[in-house]
Amino acid sequence: MANVERIERRASWTKGGPIVSNMRDEEIVALEEQAAATIGDSTTMGLWGFATGTWIIGTVIAGVFPASALVATAPVLLIFAGIAQFIAGLYAYRRANSLAATAFCSFGSFSVTVAVLYLLQAAGVVATTGNPIVLEGFLLESFGFIALALCIAALRTNMALVAVLATLTVGYVLAGIPALANSVGTGGWAVIGAIGGWFLVASAFFAYYAGMAMVVNSTWKRTALPIWGEP
């Protein structure tokens, strides 16, 4: 009677998330590498979409431009920082990169939400004071938590991405505090919000650098620009 090898189902952790299967570890690694090798890396696209939207809105929150300028950020938030970044996240899922995919889809959705909110406020459909602003604060604090969770995950990848997410966490949290207090742009709340805005600007510039490093290193096929870790 021929010997039959029995392979039990077990859990394996991959960049795409946990997998419970009968496959051996080397088979799972081979499939993961195949997924990454058969489609282009959307990381730079996602990072630059995120950076552009975050930088522009950060300057308004920091007080460089008046609050009335927020509606002017809606197009870039909707198209480049929103839709384009979300699409980059979908491609990251196809490459089995759950961290990048979750980040780009989450922040892309956030950008679209904020763009629609600013357009509704400009049209007079949503008030710029009272409960709607407090709910906007809830939104910012929620994404502060999401950025923190992603930052913890990024500690196993590279420090360039950690810098993006760490400064983003602080930026979202501080920018959301005045909204929670329904006191945006007034008294000491304005200072807290402005500090949060500058952290958002810092996060954007870290993202610009990380995206540049990814595409330059990929094109030159070597580490021309350091990211202090793995891609």
Protein backbone atom coordinates (compact mmCIF):
# COMPACT_ATOMS: atom_id res chain seq x y z
CA MET A 1 0.00 0.00 0.00
CA ALA A 2 1.43 3.36 -1.04
CA ASN A 3 2.26 5.86 1.67
CA VAL A 4 -0.04 8.88 1.67
CA GLU A 5 1.31 12.14 3.03
CA ARG A 6 -1.34 14.07 4.89
CA ILE A 7 -0.98 17.83 4.96
CA GLU A 8 -3.09 19.49 7.63
CA ARG A 9 -4.68 22.88 7.22
CA ARG A 10 -2.86 25.64 9.07
CA ALA A 11 -2.63 29.40 9.18
CA SER A 12 0.13 31.34 7.47
CA TRP A 13 0.72 35.08 7.67
CA THR A 14 1.48 36.94 4.44
CA LYS A 15 1.59 40.57 3.27
CA GLY A 16 -1.86 39.96 1.88
CA GLY A 17 -3.22 38.83 5.25
CA PRO A 18 -3.70 35.47 7.02
CA ILE A 19 -4.20 32.39 4.87
CA VAL A 20 -5.61 29.09 6.15
CA SER A 21 -4.86 26.32 3.66
CA ASN A 22 -3.25 22.94 3.00
CA MET A 23 -0.38 24.53 1.09
CA ARG A 24 3.19 24.44 2.32
CA ASP A 25 4.89 27.69 3.30
CA GLU A 26 7.11 27.65 0.22
CA GLU A 27 4.05 27.32 -2.04
CA ILE A 28 2.37 30.28 -0.38
CA VAL A 29 5.53 32.38 -0.69
CA ALA A 30 5.78 31.48 -4.38
CA LEU A 31 2.18 32.57 -5.01
CA GLU A 32 2.75 35.81 -3.08
CA GLU A 33 5.84 36.60 -5.13
CA GLN A 34 3.98 35.76 -8.34
CA ALA A 35 1.19 38.19 -7.43
CA ALA A 36 3.73 40.95 -6.85
CA ALA A 37 5.65 40.20 -10.04
CA THR A 38 2.69 40.13 -12.43
CA ILE A 39 1.37 43.68 -11.91
CA GLY A 40 3.02 47.07 -11.58
CA ASP A 41 3.61 48.61 -8.16
CA SER A 42 0.99 51.30 -7.43
CA THR A 43 2.72 52.54 -4.27
CA THR A 44 4.17 55.71 -5.79
CA MET A 45 0.85 56.65 -7.36
CA GLY A 46 -0.94 56.13 -4.05
CA LEU A 47 1.66 58.04 -2.03
CA TRP A 48 1.67 61.01 -4.38
CA GLY A 49 -2.11 61.16 -4.55
CA PHE A 50 -2.19 61.11 -0.76
CA ALA A 51 0.63 63.66 -0.49
CA THR A 52 -0.90 66.19 -2.86
CA GLY A 53 -4.29 66.22 -1.18
CA THR A 54 -2.86 66.21 2.34
CA TRP A 55 -0.37 69.00 1.61
CA ILE A 56 -2.97 71.30 0.05
CA ILE A 57 -5.60 70.83 2.76
CA GLY A 58 -2.90 70.96 5.45
CA THR A 59 -1.90 74.48 4.42
CA VAL A 60 -5.48 75.69 4.89
CA ILE A 61 -5.84 73.97 8.27
CA ALA A 62 -2.46 75.43 9.32
CA GLY A 63 -3.79 78.94 8.63
CA VAL A 64 -1.74 79.78 5.54
CA PHE A 65 -5.01 80.34 3.68
CA PRO A 66 -8.43 81.28 5.09
CA ALA A 67 -11.03 78.61 5.81
CA SER A 68 -13.02 79.84 2.80
CA ALA A 69 -10.29 78.32 0.60
CA LEU A 70 -11.25 74.78 1.67
CA VAL A 71 -13.75 74.47 -1.17
CA ALA A 72 -10.89 75.08 -3.63
CA THR A 73 -9.26 71.87 -2.37
CA ALA A 74 -12.30 69.79 -3.37
CA PRO A 75 -11.22 68.97 -6.97
CA VAL A 76 -7.80 67.57 -6.03
CA LEU A 77 -9.25 65.77 -3.01
CA LEU A 78 -11.95 64.20 -5.15
CA ILE A 79 -9.89 63.20 -8.20
CA PHE A 80 -6.20 62.72 -7.38
CA ALA A 81 -6.20 62.21 -3.60
CA GLY A 82 -9.52 60.40 -3.72
CA ILE A 83 -10.36 58.35 -6.80
CA ALA A 84 -6.78 57.89 -8.07
CA GLN A 85 -5.46 56.94 -4.64
CA PHE A 86 -8.34 54.48 -4.14
CA ILE A 87 -7.55 52.81 -7.47
CA ALA A 88 -3.89 52.54 -6.39
CA GLY A 89 -5.15 50.73 -3.30
CA LEU A 90 -7.07 48.22 -5.41
CA TYR A 91 -3.91 47.44 -7.39
CA ALA A 92 -2.03 47.01 -4.11
CA TYR A 93 -4.60 44.39 -3.07
CA ARG A 94 -3.89 42.59 -6.35
CA ARG A 95 -0.18 42.59 -5.44
CA ALA A 96 -1.06 41.04 -2.06
CA ASN A 97 0.15 44.13 -0.18
CA SER A 98 -2.54 44.52 2.46
CA LEU A 99 -0.83 47.42 4.27
CA ALA A 100 -0.53 49.67 1.22
CA ALA A 101 -3.95 48.62 -0.07
CA THR A 102 -5.71 49.37 3.21
CA ALA A 103 -3.95 52.72 3.54
CA PHE A 104 -4.65 53.93 0.01
CA CYS A 105 -8.27 52.76 -0.05
CA SER A 106 -8.94 54.22 3.41
CA PHE A 107 -7.32 57.60 2.79
CA GLY A 108 -8.71 57.74 -0.75
CA SER A 109 -12.21 57.26 0.65
CA PHE A 110 -11.48 59.89 3.29
CA SER A 111 -10.45 62.42 0.63
CA VAL A 112 -13.62 61.84 -1.39
CA THR A 113 -15.73 62.20 1.76
CA VAL A 114 -14.07 65.47 2.73
CA ALA A 115 -14.34 66.84 -0.82
CA VAL A 116 -18.07 66.13 -0.92
CA LEU A 117 -18.47 67.69 2.54
CA TYR A 118 -16.74 70.92 1.45
CA LEU A 119 -18.87 71.12 -1.70
CA LEU A 120 -22.05 70.63 0.33
CA GLN A 121 -20.94 73.32 2.77
CA ALA A 122 -20.19 75.70 -0.10
CA ALA A 123 -23.65 75.03 -1.52
CA GLY A 124 -25.23 75.78 1.86
CA VAL A 125 -26.60 72.25 2.23
CA VAL A 126 -24.45 71.47 5.29
CA ALA A 127 -23.80 74.02 8.03
CA THR A 128 -20.25 75.15 8.85
CA THR A 129 -20.98 75.29 12.60
CA GLY A 130 -22.76 73.17 15.16
CA ASN A 131 -23.28 69.43 14.97
CA PRO A 132 -21.93 68.98 11.41
CA ILE A 133 -18.54 70.34 12.52
CA VAL A 134 -18.52 68.11 15.58
CA LEU A 135 -19.18 65.12 13.32
CA GLU A 136 -16.30 66.28 11.13
CA GLY A 137 -14.18 66.10 14.26
CA PHE A 138 -15.35 62.51 14.79
CA LEU A 139 -14.24 61.74 11.24
CA LEU A 140 -10.76 63.21 11.77
CA GLU A 141 -10.26 61.39 15.06
CA SER A 142 -11.41 58.13 13.47
CA PHE A 143 -8.80 58.47 10.77
CA GLY A 144 -6.26 59.40 13.40
CA PHE A 145 -6.84 55.94 14.85
CA ILE A 146 -6.60 54.33 11.40
CA ALA A 147 -3.31 56.12 10.73
CA LEU A 148 -1.97 54.96 14.12
CA ALA A 149 -2.91 51.33 13.43
CA LEU A 150 -1.25 51.48 10.01
CA CYS A 151 1.81 53.13 11.56
CA ILE A 152 2.23 50.23 13.99
CA ALA A 153 1.96 47.80 11.07
CA ALA A 154 4.50 49.82 9.06
CA LEU A 155 7.13 49.36 11.77
CA ARG A 156 7.91 46.02 10.11
CA THR A 157 8.46 47.63 6.69
CA ASN A 158 10.43 50.88 6.41
CA MET A 159 10.94 54.10 8.34
CA ALA A 160 9.91 56.34 5.43
CA LEU A 161 6.39 54.94 5.62
CA VAL A 162 6.45 55.10 9.43
CA ALA A 163 7.29 58.83 9.20
CA VAL A 164 4.35 59.38 6.85
CA LEU A 165 1.88 57.64 9.13
CA ALA A 166 3.24 58.89 12.47
CA THR A 167 3.01 62.56 11.47
CA LEU A 168 -0.37 61.89 9.86
CA THR A 169 -1.69 60.43 13.12
CA VAL A 170 -0.72 63.55 15.07
CA GLY A 171 -2.05 65.80 12.30
CA TYR A 172 -5.47 64.18 12.17
CA VAL A 173 -5.86 64.10 15.94
CA LEU A 174 -4.86 67.74 16.49
CA ALA A 175 -6.86 69.00 13.50
CA GLY A 176 -9.93 67.19 14.80
CA ILE A 177 -9.81 68.60 18.35
CA PRO A 178 -11.13 72.11 17.46
CA ALA A 179 -13.90 70.51 15.40
CA LEU A 180 -14.90 68.32 18.33
CA ALA A 181 -15.10 71.42 20.49
CA ASN A 182 -17.11 73.22 17.76
CA SER A 183 -14.53 76.01 17.98
CA VAL A 184 -12.61 75.84 14.70
CA GLY A 185 -10.46 78.94 14.17
CA THR A 186 -11.19 80.55 17.53
CA GLY A 187 -8.92 81.18 20.54
CA GLY A 188 -6.50 78.49 21.60
CA TRP A 189 -8.37 75.95 19.49
CA ALA A 190 -7.06 77.73 16.40
CA VAL A 191 -3.49 77.13 17.55
CA ILE A 192 -4.14 73.41 18.10
CA GLY A 193 -5.73 73.10 14.68
CA ALA A 194 -2.86 75.00 13.02
CA ILE A 195 -0.28 72.69 14.62
CA GLY A 196 -2.26 69.74 13.30
CA GLY A 197 -2.23 71.31 9.85
CA TRP A 198 1.56 71.59 9.86
CA PHE A 199 1.85 67.93 10.87
CA LEU A 200 -0.32 67.09 7.85
CA VAL A 201 2.03 69.11 5.64
CA ALA A 202 5.00 67.22 7.11
CA SER A 203 3.27 63.90 6.44
CA ALA A 204 2.69 64.95 2.83
CA PHE A 205 6.34 65.76 2.26
CA PHE A 206 7.44 62.45 3.79
CA ALA A 207 5.00 60.78 1.38
CA TYR A 208 6.43 62.71 -1.57
CA TYR A 209 9.91 61.49 -0.63
CA ALA A 210 8.78 57.89 -0.07
CA GLY A 211 7.03 57.83 -3.44
CA MET A 212 10.08 59.30 -5.15
CA ALA A 213 12.35 56.71 -3.53
CA MET A 214 10.05 53.86 -4.60
CA VAL A 215 9.94 54.84 -8.27
CA VAL A 216 13.61 55.87 -8.52
CA ASN A 217 14.85 52.70 -6.83
CA SER A 218 12.58 50.58 -9.00
CA THR A 219 13.79 52.24 -12.22
CA TRP A 220 17.46 52.16 -11.27
CA LYS A 221 17.08 48.64 -9.81
CA ARG A 222 19.05 49.54 -6.71
CA THR A 223 18.67 51.59 -3.53
CA ALA A 224 19.49 55.02 -4.91
CA LEU A 225 17.33 56.75 -2.28
CA PRO A 226 17.07 55.11 1.17
CA ILE A 227 13.76 54.24 2.76
CA TRP A 228 15.41 52.58 5.78
CA GLY A 229 13.79 49.19 5.43
CA GLU A 230 12.08 47.01 2.85
CA PRO A 231 9.60 48.32 0.23
